[in-house]
Protein backbone atom coordinates (compact mmCIF):
# COMPACT_ATOMS: atom_id res chain seq x y z
CA THR A 1 4.74 -83.06 7.06
CA GLU A 2 4.58 -80.27 5.07
CA ARG A 3 1.94 -81.77 2.59
CA THR A 4 -0.30 -81.62 6.03
CA LYS A 5 0.19 -78.07 7.00
CA LYS A 6 -0.24 -77.47 3.81
CA ILE A 7 -4.15 -79.01 4.25
CA PHE A 8 -4.17 -77.41 7.39
CA PRO A 9 -2.88 -74.36 7.54
CA PRO A 10 -1.78 -73.31 11.82
CA GLN A 11 -5.00 -70.87 12.85
CA PRO A 12 -3.79 -68.19 13.97
CA ASP A 13 -3.48 -68.16 17.60
CA ALA A 14 -0.96 -70.95 17.07
CA LEU A 15 0.48 -68.68 15.18
CA GLN A 16 0.73 -65.96 17.72
CA THR A 17 2.09 -67.82 20.25
CA MET A 18 5.18 -68.45 18.11
CA ALA A 19 4.78 -65.33 17.39
CA ASN A 20 5.47 -64.35 20.93
CA LEU A 21 7.12 -67.62 21.93
CA ARG A 22 9.93 -66.46 19.22
CA LEU A 23 10.13 -62.06 20.40
CA SER A 24 10.62 -64.02 24.79
CA GLN A 25 13.32 -66.03 22.51
CA SER A 26 14.94 -62.25 20.70
CA ARG A 27 13.95 -64.12 17.41
CA GLY A 28 12.22 -60.71 15.92
CA GLN A 29 13.08 -62.29 12.26
CA GLU A 30 11.43 -64.88 12.87
CA ALA A 31 8.65 -63.81 15.06
CA LEU A 32 8.08 -60.94 12.30
CA VAL A 33 7.38 -64.12 9.72
CA TYR A 34 4.81 -65.76 11.88
CA ILE A 35 2.79 -62.77 12.75
CA MET A 36 2.00 -61.92 9.31
CA LYS A 37 0.98 -65.12 8.34
CA ALA A 38 -1.36 -64.56 11.20
CA TYR A 39 -2.52 -61.21 10.21
CA SER A 40 -2.41 -62.03 6.04
CA ARG A 41 -5.06 -64.58 8.01
CA MET A 42 -7.12 -61.82 9.19
CA LYS A 43 -6.27 -59.24 6.02
CA VAL A 44 -9.73 -58.66 4.58
CA GLY A 45 -12.03 -58.76 7.23
CA CYS A 46 -9.52 -56.01 9.32
CA GLU A 47 -9.16 -53.52 5.86
CA ALA A 48 -13.31 -53.75 5.22
CA MET A 49 -13.73 -52.09 8.84
CA SER A 50 -10.73 -49.92 8.66
CA SER A 51 -12.59 -48.40 6.28
CA LEU A 52 -15.34 -47.83 7.85
CA VAL A 53 -13.51 -45.84 10.46
CA GLY A 54 -11.56 -44.00 7.41
CA LEU A 55 -8.69 -46.28 7.79
CA GLY A 56 -8.95 -48.65 5.27
CA LYS A 57 -6.29 -49.12 2.38
CA ASP A 58 -7.13 -46.71 -0.81
CA GLU A 59 -10.43 -47.15 -2.88
CA GLU A 60 -7.93 -46.72 -6.20
CA THR A 61 -6.00 -49.89 -5.39
CA ARG A 62 -8.97 -52.34 -6.02
CA ALA A 63 -9.09 -53.34 -9.80
CA GLY A 64 -12.19 -54.18 -12.14
CA GLY A 65 -15.62 -52.87 -13.05
CA LYS A 66 -18.79 -52.79 -11.02
CA ALA A 67 -19.36 -57.11 -10.82
CA GLU A 68 -16.15 -57.69 -9.24
CA ALA A 69 -17.00 -54.95 -6.80
CA GLN A 70 -19.70 -56.74 -5.85
CA ALA A 71 -17.35 -59.88 -5.57
CA ASN A 72 -14.97 -58.24 -3.90
CA GLU A 73 -18.06 -56.34 -1.11
CA LEU A 74 -19.67 -59.79 -0.67
CA VAL A 75 -15.56 -61.85 0.15
CA GLU A 76 -14.76 -58.88 2.40
CA VAL A 77 -18.55 -59.43 4.73
CA ASP A 78 -18.20 -62.59 5.11
CA ALA A 79 -14.17 -61.99 6.63
CA ALA A 80 -15.20 -59.46 8.38
CA SER A 81 -17.79 -61.65 10.11
CA SER A 82 -15.30 -64.00 10.88
CA LEU A 83 -12.80 -62.27 12.55
CA PRO A 84 -10.66 -63.59 15.51
CA GLY A 85 -11.66 -61.67 18.64
CA TYR A 86 -11.31 -58.69 20.20
CA GLU A 87 -8.31 -59.37 22.57
CA PHE A 88 -5.75 -61.88 19.98
CA ARG A 89 -6.40 -58.94 17.47
CA CYS A 90 -5.52 -56.42 19.62
CA GLN A 91 -2.71 -59.01 20.81
CA THR A 92 -2.08 -59.51 17.39
CA VAL A 93 -1.62 -55.46 16.76
CA LYS A 94 1.34 -55.23 20.35
CA ILE A 95 3.61 -58.15 18.58
CA LEU A 96 3.70 -56.37 15.07
CA LEU A 97 4.51 -53.09 16.75
CA GLU A 98 6.80 -54.69 18.70
CA CYS A 99 8.22 -56.56 15.60
CA ALA A 100 8.71 -52.94 13.29
CA SER A 101 10.71 -51.57 16.55
CA LEU A 102 12.95 -54.74 15.85
CA MET A 103 13.21 -54.11 11.82
CA GLU A 104 15.80 -52.38 10.73
CA ASP A 105 14.61 -52.15 6.33
CA PHE A 106 12.12 -49.40 5.21
CA GLU A 107 9.23 -51.73 3.94
CA THR A 108 9.55 -53.84 6.42
CA LYS A 109 8.76 -51.31 9.34
CA ASN A 110 6.18 -49.80 7.31
CA GLN A 111 4.97 -53.35 6.54
CA CYS A 112 4.86 -54.24 10.21
CA ALA A 113 3.36 -50.55 11.53
CA GLU A 114 0.48 -50.46 7.87
CA SER A 115 -0.65 -54.41 9.27
CA GLY A 116 -1.11 -52.65 12.58
CA ILE A 117 -2.90 -49.76 11.35
CA GLN A 118 -5.16 -52.19 9.74
CA VAL A 119 -5.69 -54.58 12.56
CA LEU A 120 -6.48 -51.41 15.17
CA GLY A 121 -9.17 -49.78 12.77
CA SER A 122 -11.22 -52.89 12.42
CA LEU A 123 -10.91 -52.63 16.59
CA MET A 124 -12.19 -49.20 16.52
CA ALA A 125 -15.32 -49.74 14.28
CA GLU A 126 -16.20 -52.47 16.63
CA ASN A 127 -15.97 -50.05 19.99
CA ASP A 128 -14.09 -46.34 19.56
CA GLU A 129 -14.00 -46.42 22.65
CA VAL A 130 -11.18 -48.36 24.56
CA ILE A 131 -8.94 -45.88 25.59
CA GLU A 132 -5.57 -48.91 24.76
CA VAL A 133 -6.86 -48.58 20.72
CA TRP A 134 -6.79 -44.68 20.68
CA TYR A 135 -2.62 -45.21 22.01
CA LEU A 136 -2.29 -48.03 19.91
CA LEU A 137 -3.11 -46.36 17.11
CA GLY A 138 -1.06 -43.11 17.24
CA CYS A 139 2.20 -45.69 17.65
CA ALA A 140 1.15 -47.36 14.90
CA PHE A 141 1.27 -43.66 12.80
CA MET A 142 4.66 -43.19 14.27
CA ALA A 143 6.51 -46.84 13.20
CA CYS A 144 5.70 -45.43 9.67
CA LEU A 145 8.69 -45.25 8.13
CA PRO A 146 9.16 -41.38 8.23
CA PRO A 147 6.54 -41.68 10.78
CA ASN A 148 3.41 -40.10 10.29
CA LYS A 149 3.36 -36.38 13.33
CA ASP A 150 -0.32 -35.52 13.00
CA SER A 151 -2.08 -38.66 12.85
CA ALA A 152 -0.38 -39.39 15.69
CA LYS A 153 -0.23 -36.52 17.90
CA TYR A 154 -4.17 -36.43 16.91
CA TYR A 155 -4.68 -40.27 18.29
CA TRP A 156 -3.13 -39.77 21.43
CA GLU A 157 -5.02 -36.06 21.89
CA ASN A 158 -7.98 -38.44 22.10
CA ALA A 159 -6.83 -40.70 24.61
CA MET A 160 -5.19 -38.10 26.89
CA SER A 161 -8.62 -36.34 26.15
CA MET A 162 -10.48 -39.79 26.95
CA LEU A 163 -8.32 -40.32 30.39
CA SER A 164 -8.70 -37.49 31.92
CA LYS A 165 -12.68 -37.84 31.91
CA VAL A 166 -12.24 -41.33 33.52
CA LYS A 167 -9.60 -39.62 36.29
CA GLY A 168 -12.09 -36.69 36.27
CA GLU A 169 -15.01 -39.40 37.12
CA LEU A 170 -13.01 -41.27 39.29
CA GLU A 171 -11.70 -38.33 41.88
CA SER A 172 -15.55 -37.10 42.26
CA THR A 173 -15.92 -40.51 43.63
CA LEU A 174 -13.14 -40.72 45.52
CA ASP A 175 -15.52 -40.41 49.05
CA ASP A 176 -17.25 -43.64 48.20
CA ASP A 177 -14.01 -45.68 48.27
CA GLU A 178 -14.35 -47.94 50.72
CA ASP A 179 -12.00 -50.11 48.97
CA GLY A 180 -9.66 -48.12 47.84
CA TYR A 181 -9.89 -50.09 44.74
CA LYS A 182 -10.86 -46.16 42.70
CA GLU A 183 -8.14 -45.08 44.22
CA ASN A 184 -5.98 -48.19 42.39
CA GLU A 185 -7.53 -47.09 39.30
CA LEU A 186 -6.75 -43.53 39.69
CA GLU A 187 -3.58 -44.60 39.99
CA ALA A 188 -3.34 -46.29 36.96
CA VAL A 189 -4.92 -43.88 34.98
CA GLU A 190 -2.92 -41.55 36.03
CA SER A 191 0.38 -43.03 35.04
CA GLN A 192 -1.12 -44.05 31.81
CA ILE A 193 -2.45 -40.04 31.01
CA ILE A 194 2.10 -39.30 32.07
CA GLU A 195 2.73 -41.89 29.33
CA VAL A 196 0.41 -39.99 26.68
CA ARG A 197 2.15 -37.05 27.49
CA LYS A 198 5.20 -37.98 27.32
CA LYS A 199 4.43 -39.41 24.08
CA LEU A 200 3.38 -36.05 23.03
CA GLY A 201 6.10 -34.40 23.64
CA ILE A 202 4.69 -32.07 26.54
CA HIS A 203 6.34 -31.56 28.85
CA ASP A 204 5.76 -31.12 32.62
CA ASP A 205 7.80 -27.72 32.71
CA ASP A 206 6.29 -25.54 30.90
CA GLY A 207 3.03 -27.15 29.55
CA GLY A 208 3.95 -27.26 26.80
CA ASP A 209 4.10 -29.93 24.07
CA ASP A 210 6.87 -29.81 21.21
CA ASP A 211 6.53 -32.03 17.81
CA ASP A 212 9.68 -32.72 17.31
CA GLY A 213 9.97 -34.20 20.89
CA MET A 214 6.98 -36.89 20.95
CA ASP A 215 8.35 -39.67 21.22
CA ASP A 216 7.88 -43.53 19.00
CA CYS A 217 6.67 -46.40 21.12
């Protein structure tokens, strides 16, 4: 019942599951409602964590004096410490970005993209060596209207650099790869590099890049 929902609101994982279901049913608007409800449960913690890596909301939007600022800080610390798991937040970002790609109005697209950036900022604050997070940040900035190409390029180029490093490490150990596992992993990394190059608008024929040719996600 509605009364029960108010007293015991759905947990974020249930909301995320419903968002996924609605996307699979091509009901993007309903998926957006569910995933934004899931995001609202972790918004404060994500924004607090994002601020640690320069991706948080503008500090000037915070109102009040010293006492209120201290109270807000306590709330943020508590919210950050109770954030959902890493994989859950990563999946939330993917749903937000998919919703952004389906929305037509300026405000909703930017709401999805900005929410995704805040969640990714919380992930970056925990571990800045996850290539997928760098890649998704590029996608999130490109999902904004207008696209933030400079930021997207920065994150995609970092993802490319990290992938290239992994590729080099795998290539140097192929001689010891008796079961073929590293060779398979190398092929996966090479596919990811191709994907990031496409996003950056890098052409294989001349090796150059073209900001105007940068692709969204």
